[in-house]
Amino acid sequence: MGFCDRRNSLKMRRRKAQAKKKARLARRSAANMAAGAAPAEKKATKKAAAKAS
């Protein structure tokens, strides 16, 4: 096993950090989508009402 084959190598740490970052962003966007679903529908209905009148 060589020097670069260790689990805590710089490359592996970078990959793990990237995975954590993606998971963090995915959790945040999922929370935003869940919170913003109702207001988005309300905005759409206002636009539809404006077009109808």
PDB file of N, CA and C in Angstrom:
ATOM      1  N   MET A   1       0.840  -1.181   0.000  1.00  0.00           N
ATOM      2  CA  MET A   1       0.000   0.000   0.000  1.00  0.00           C
ATOM      3  C   MET A   1       0.885   1.245   0.000  1.00  0.00           C
ATOM      4  N   GLY A   2       0.635   2.136  -0.917  1.00  0.00           N
ATOM      5  CA  GLY A   2       1.471   3.322  -1.039  1.00  0.00           C
ATOM      6  C   GLY A   2       1.039   4.462  -0.137  1.00  0.00           C
ATOM      7  N   PHE A   3       1.772   5.540  -0.221  1.00  0.00           N
ATOM      8  CA  PHE A   3       1.506   6.713   0.630  1.00  0.00           C
ATOM      9  C   PHE A   3       0.147   7.332   0.296  1.00  0.00           C
ATOM     10  N   CYS A   4      -0.225   7.331  -0.973  1.00  0.00           N
ATOM     11  CA  CYS A   4      -1.462   7.991  -1.393  1.00  0.00           C
ATOM     12  C   CYS A   4      -2.693   7.099  -1.233  1.00  0.00           C
ATOM     13  N   ASP A   5      -2.513   5.864  -0.767  1.00  0.00           N
ATOM     14  CA  ASP A   5      -3.646   4.946  -0.665  1.00  0.00           C
ATOM     15  C   ASP A   5      -4.346   5.010   0.684  1.00  0.00           C
ATOM     16  N   ARG A   6      -3.959   5.936   1.535  1.00  0.00           N
ATOM     17  CA  ARG A   6      -4.603   6.019   2.842  1.00  0.00           C
ATOM     18  C   ARG A   6      -5.964   6.702   2.718  1.00  0.00           C
ATOM     19  N   ARG A   7      -6.874   6.361   3.647  1.00  0.00           N
ATOM     20  CA  ARG A   7      -8.226   6.896   3.576  1.00  0.00           C
ATOM     21  C   ARG A   7      -8.256   8.390   3.887  1.00  0.00           C
ATOM     22  N   ASN A   8      -7.291   8.878   4.650  1.00  0.00           N
ATOM     23  CA  ASN A   8      -7.317  10.297   5.014  1.00  0.00           C
ATOM     24  C   ASN A   8      -6.356  11.109   4.148  1.00  0.00           C
ATOM     25  N   SER A   9      -6.172  10.663   2.893  1.00  0.00           N
ATOM     26  CA  SER A   9      -5.324  11.416   1.978  1.00  0.00           C
ATOM     27  C   SER A   9      -6.024  12.716   1.602  1.00  0.00           C
ATOM     28  N   LEU A  10      -5.281  13.626   1.037  1.00  0.00           N
ATOM     29  CA  LEU A  10      -5.835  14.929   0.664  1.00  0.00           C
ATOM     30  C   LEU A  10      -6.969  14.765  -0.345  1.00  0.00           C
ATOM     31  N   LYS A  11      -6.772  13.861  -1.315  1.00  0.00           N
ATOM     32  CA  LYS A  11      -7.803  13.644  -2.337  1.00  0.00           C
ATOM     33  C   LYS A  11      -9.091  13.124  -1.704  1.00  0.00           C
ATOM     34  N   MET A  12      -8.947  12.158  -0.789  1.00  0.00           N
ATOM     35  CA  MET A  12     -10.133  11.579  -0.154  1.00  0.00           C
ATOM     36  C   MET A  12     -10.826  12.616   0.727  1.00  0.00           C
ATOM     37  N   ARG A  13     -10.027  13.424   1.418  1.00  0.00           N
ATOM     38  CA  ARG A  13     -10.627  14.468   2.253  1.00  0.00           C
ATOM     39  C   ARG A  13     -11.397  15.466   1.399  1.00  0.00           C
ATOM     40  N   ARG A  14     -10.827  15.806   0.226  1.00  0.00           N
ATOM     41  CA  ARG A  14     -11.506  16.737  -0.669  1.00  0.00           C
ATOM     42  C   ARG A  14     -12.821  16.142  -1.148  1.00  0.00           C
ATOM     43  N   ARG A  15     -12.799  14.852  -1.516  1.00  0.00           N
ATOM     44  CA  ARG A  15     -14.012  14.198  -2.009  1.00  0.00           C
ATOM     45  C   ARG A  15     -15.074  14.131  -0.918  1.00  0.00           C
ATOM     46  N   LYS A  16     -14.642  13.803   0.319  1.00  0.00           N
ATOM     47  CA  LYS A  16     -15.593  13.733   1.421  1.00  0.00           C
ATOM     48  C   LYS A  16     -16.187  15.106   1.705  1.00  0.00           C
ATOM     49  N   ALA A  17     -15.351  16.146   1.650  1.00  0.00           N
ATOM     50  CA  ALA A  17     -15.833  17.502   1.901  1.00  0.00           C
ATOM     51  C   ALA A  17     -16.828  17.905   0.826  1.00  0.00           C
ATOM     52  N   GLN A  18     -16.552  17.535  -0.426  1.00  0.00           N
ATOM     53  CA  GLN A  18     -17.464  17.869  -1.516  1.00  0.00           C
ATOM     54  C   GLN A  18     -18.798  17.169  -1.325  1.00  0.00           C
ATOM     55  N   ALA A  19     -18.762  15.907  -0.893  1.00  0.00           N
ATOM     56  CA  ALA A  19     -19.990  15.151  -0.667  1.00  0.00           C
ATOM     57  C   ALA A  19     -20.796  15.781   0.462  1.00  0.00           C
ATOM     58  N   LYS A  20     -20.107  16.184   1.540  1.00  0.00           N
ATOM     59  CA  LYS A  20     -20.796  16.836   2.658  1.00  0.00           C
ATOM     60  C   LYS A  20     -21.421  18.148   2.208  1.00  0.00           C
ATOM     61  N   LYS A  21     -20.693  18.908   1.384  1.00  0.00           N
ATOM     62  CA  LYS A  21     -21.192  20.185   0.893  1.00  0.00           C
ATOM     63  C   LYS A  21     -22.446  19.982   0.053  1.00  0.00           C
ATOM     64  N   LYS A  22     -22.403  18.967  -0.839  1.00  0.00           N
ATOM     65  CA  LYS A  22     -23.561  18.694  -1.683  1.00  0.00           C
ATOM     66  C   LYS A  22     -24.753  18.269  -0.835  1.00  0.00           C
ATOM     67  N   ALA A  23     -24.509  17.433   0.173  1.00  0.00           N
ATOM     68  CA  ALA A  23     -25.593  16.988   1.044  1.00  0.00           C
ATOM     69  C   ALA A  23     -26.186  18.168   1.801  1.00  0.00           C
ATOM     70  N   ARG A  24     -25.311  19.077   2.254  1.00  0.00           N
ATOM     71  CA  ARG A  24     -25.771  20.256   2.990  1.00  0.00           C
ATOM     72  C   ARG A  24     -26.656  21.126   2.096  1.00  0.00           C
ATOM     73  N   LEU A  25     -26.204  21.353   0.866  1.00  0.00           N
ATOM     74  CA  LEU A  25     -26.980  22.176  -0.062  1.00  0.00           C
ATOM     75  C   LEU A  25     -28.295  21.496  -0.429  1.00  0.00           C
ATOM     76  N   ALA A  26     -28.263  20.176  -0.583  1.00  0.00           N
ATOM     77  CA  ALA A  26     -29.485  19.452  -0.923  1.00  0.00           C
ATOM     78  C   ALA A  26     -30.493  19.547   0.211  1.00  0.00           C
ATOM     79  N   ARG A  27     -30.017  19.403   1.451  1.00  0.00           N
ATOM     80  CA  ARG A  27     -30.921  19.539   2.594  1.00  0.00           C
ATOM     81  C   ARG A  27     -31.513  20.941   2.640  1.00  0.00           C
ATOM     82  N   ARG A  28     -30.675  21.959   2.412  1.00  0.00           N
ATOM     83  CA  ARG A  28     -31.146  23.348   2.474  1.00  0.00           C
ATOM     84  C   ARG A  28     -32.176  23.623   1.378  1.00  0.00           C
ATOM     85  N   SER A  29     -31.901  23.132   0.146  1.00  0.00           N
ATOM     86  CA  SER A  29     -32.828  23.393  -0.952  1.00  0.00           C
ATOM     87  C   SER A  29     -34.129  22.628  -0.734  1.00  0.00           C
ATOM     88  N   ALA A  30     -34.057  21.423  -0.160  1.00  0.00           N
ATOM     89  CA  ALA A  30     -35.271  20.656   0.121  1.00  0.00           C
ATOM     90  C   ALA A  30     -36.117  21.386   1.152  1.00  0.00           C
ATOM     91  N   ALA A  31     -35.477  21.961   2.168  1.00  0.00           N
ATOM     92  CA  ALA A  31     -36.203  22.708   3.192  1.00  0.00           C
ATOM     93  C   ALA A  31     -36.833  23.954   2.585  1.00  0.00           C
ATOM     94  N   ASN A  32     -36.095  24.630   1.695  1.00  0.00           N
ATOM     95  CA  ASN A  32     -36.636  25.826   1.050  1.00  0.00           C
ATOM     96  C   ASN A  32     -37.812  25.481   0.148  1.00  0.00           C
ATOM     97  N   MET A  33     -37.718  24.370  -0.571  1.00  0.00           N
ATOM     98  CA  MET A  33     -38.817  23.977  -1.445  1.00  0.00           C
ATOM     99  C   MET A  33     -40.059  23.650  -0.627  1.00  0.00           C
ATOM    100  N   ALA A  34     -39.887  22.967   0.501  1.00  0.00           N
ATOM    101  CA  ALA A  34     -41.021  22.611   1.345  1.00  0.00           C
ATOM    102  C   ALA A  34     -41.657  23.870   1.943  1.00  0.00           C
ATOM    103  N   ALA A  35     -40.835  24.829   2.342  1.00  0.00           N
ATOM    104  CA  ALA A  35     -41.354  26.055   2.947  1.00  0.00           C
ATOM    105  C   ALA A  35     -41.943  26.977   1.889  1.00  0.00           C
ATOM    106  N   GLY A  36     -41.363  26.988   0.689  1.00  0.00           N
ATOM    107  CA  GLY A  36     -41.780  27.936  -0.335  1.00  0.00           C
ATOM    108  C   GLY A  36     -42.844  27.417  -1.283  1.00  0.00           C
ATOM    109  N   ALA A  37     -43.347  26.213  -1.063  1.00  0.00           N
ATOM    110  CA  ALA A  37     -44.312  25.655  -2.004  1.00  0.00           C
ATOM    111  C   ALA A  37     -45.636  26.415  -1.956  1.00  0.00           C
ATOM    112  N   ALA A  38     -46.152  26.696  -0.762  1.00  0.00           N
ATOM    113  CA  ALA A  38     -47.434  27.380  -0.634  1.00  0.00           C
ATOM    114  C   ALA A  38     -47.374  28.818  -1.146  1.00  0.00           C
ATOM    115  N   PRO A  39     -46.382  29.631  -0.762  1.00  0.00           N
ATOM    116  CA  PRO A  39     -46.326  31.000  -1.288  1.00  0.00           C
ATOM    117  C   PRO A  39     -46.182  31.047  -2.805  1.00  0.00           C
ATOM    118  N   ALA A  40     -45.477  30.107  -3.392  1.00  0.00           N
ATOM    119  CA  ALA A  40     -45.305  30.103  -4.842  1.00  0.00           C
ATOM    120  C   ALA A  40     -46.654  29.901  -5.527  1.00  0.00           C
ATOM    121  N   GLU A  41     -47.487  29.017  -4.970  1.00  0.00           N
ATOM    122  CA  GLU A  41     -48.811  28.798  -5.547  1.00  0.00           C
ATOM    123  C   GLU A  41     -49.658  30.061  -5.436  1.00  0.00           C
ATOM    124  N   LYS A  42     -49.565  30.738  -4.307  1.00  0.00           N
ATOM    125  CA  LYS A  42     -50.347  31.956  -4.117  1.00  0.00           C
ATOM    126  C   LYS A  42     -49.944  33.010  -5.142  1.00  0.00           C
ATOM    127  N   LYS A  43     -48.627  33.162  -5.387  1.00  0.00           N
ATOM    128  CA  LYS A  43     -48.161  34.134  -6.370  1.00  0.00           C
ATOM    129  C   LYS A  43     -48.698  33.799  -7.745  1.00  0.00           C
ATOM    130  N   ALA A  44     -48.709  32.514  -8.081  1.00  0.00           N
ATOM    131  CA  ALA A  44     -49.176  32.089  -9.392  1.00  0.00           C
ATOM    132  C   ALA A  44     -50.663  32.400  -9.545  1.00  0.00           C
ATOM    133  N   THR A  45     -51.437  32.205  -8.477  1.00  0.00           N
ATOM    134  CA  THR A  45     -52.877  32.476  -8.573  1.00  0.00           C
ATOM    135  C   THR A  45     -53.121  33.972  -8.738  1.00  0.00           C
ATOM    136  N   LYS A  46     -52.310  34.819  -8.108  1.00  0.00           N
ATOM    137  CA  LYS A  46     -52.474  36.267  -8.278  1.00  0.00           C
ATOM    138  C   LYS A  46     -52.214  36.672  -9.733  1.00  0.00           C
ATOM    139  N   LYS A  47     -51.177  36.083 -10.338  1.00  0.00           N
ATOM    140  CA  LYS A  47     -50.885  36.379 -11.740  1.00  0.00           C
ATOM    141  C   LYS A  47     -52.035  35.907 -12.621  1.00  0.00           C
ATOM    142  N   ALA A  48     -52.564  34.737 -12.329  1.00  0.00           N
ATOM    143  CA  ALA A  48     -53.671  34.198 -13.115  1.00  0.00           C
ATOM    144  C   ALA A  48     -54.901  35.099 -12.959  1.00  0.00           C
ATOM    145  N   ALA A  49     -55.135  35.596 -11.761  1.00  0.00           N
ATOM    146  CA  ALA A  49     -56.275  36.483 -11.531  1.00  0.00           C
ATOM    147  C   ALA A  49     -56.093  37.802 -12.279  1.00  0.00           C
ATOM    148  N   ALA A  50     -54.866  38.315 -12.317  1.00  0.00           N
ATOM    149  CA  ALA A  50     -54.594  39.561 -13.031  1.00  0.00           C
ATOM    150  C   ALA A  50     -54.806  39.382 -14.533  1.00  0.00           C
ATOM    151  N   LYS A  51     -54.393  38.249 -15.064  1.00  0.00           N
ATOM    152  CA  LYS A  51     -54.586  37.990 -16.499  1.00  0.00           C
ATOM    153  C   LYS A  51     -56.057  37.849 -16.834  1.00  0.00           C
ATOM    154  N   ALA A  52     -56.835  37.236 -15.938  1.00  0.00           N
ATOM    155  CA  ALA A  52     -58.245  36.994 -16.194  1.00  0.00           C
ATOM    156  C   ALA A  52     -59.049  38.300 -16.197  1.00  0.00           C
ATOM    157  N   SER A  53     -58.642  39.270 -15.387  1.00  0.00           N
ATOM    158  CA  SER A  53     -59.425  40.508 -15.287  1.00  0.00           C
ATOM    159  C   SER A  53     -59.099  41.533 -16.346  1.00  0.00           C
TER     160      SER A  53
END
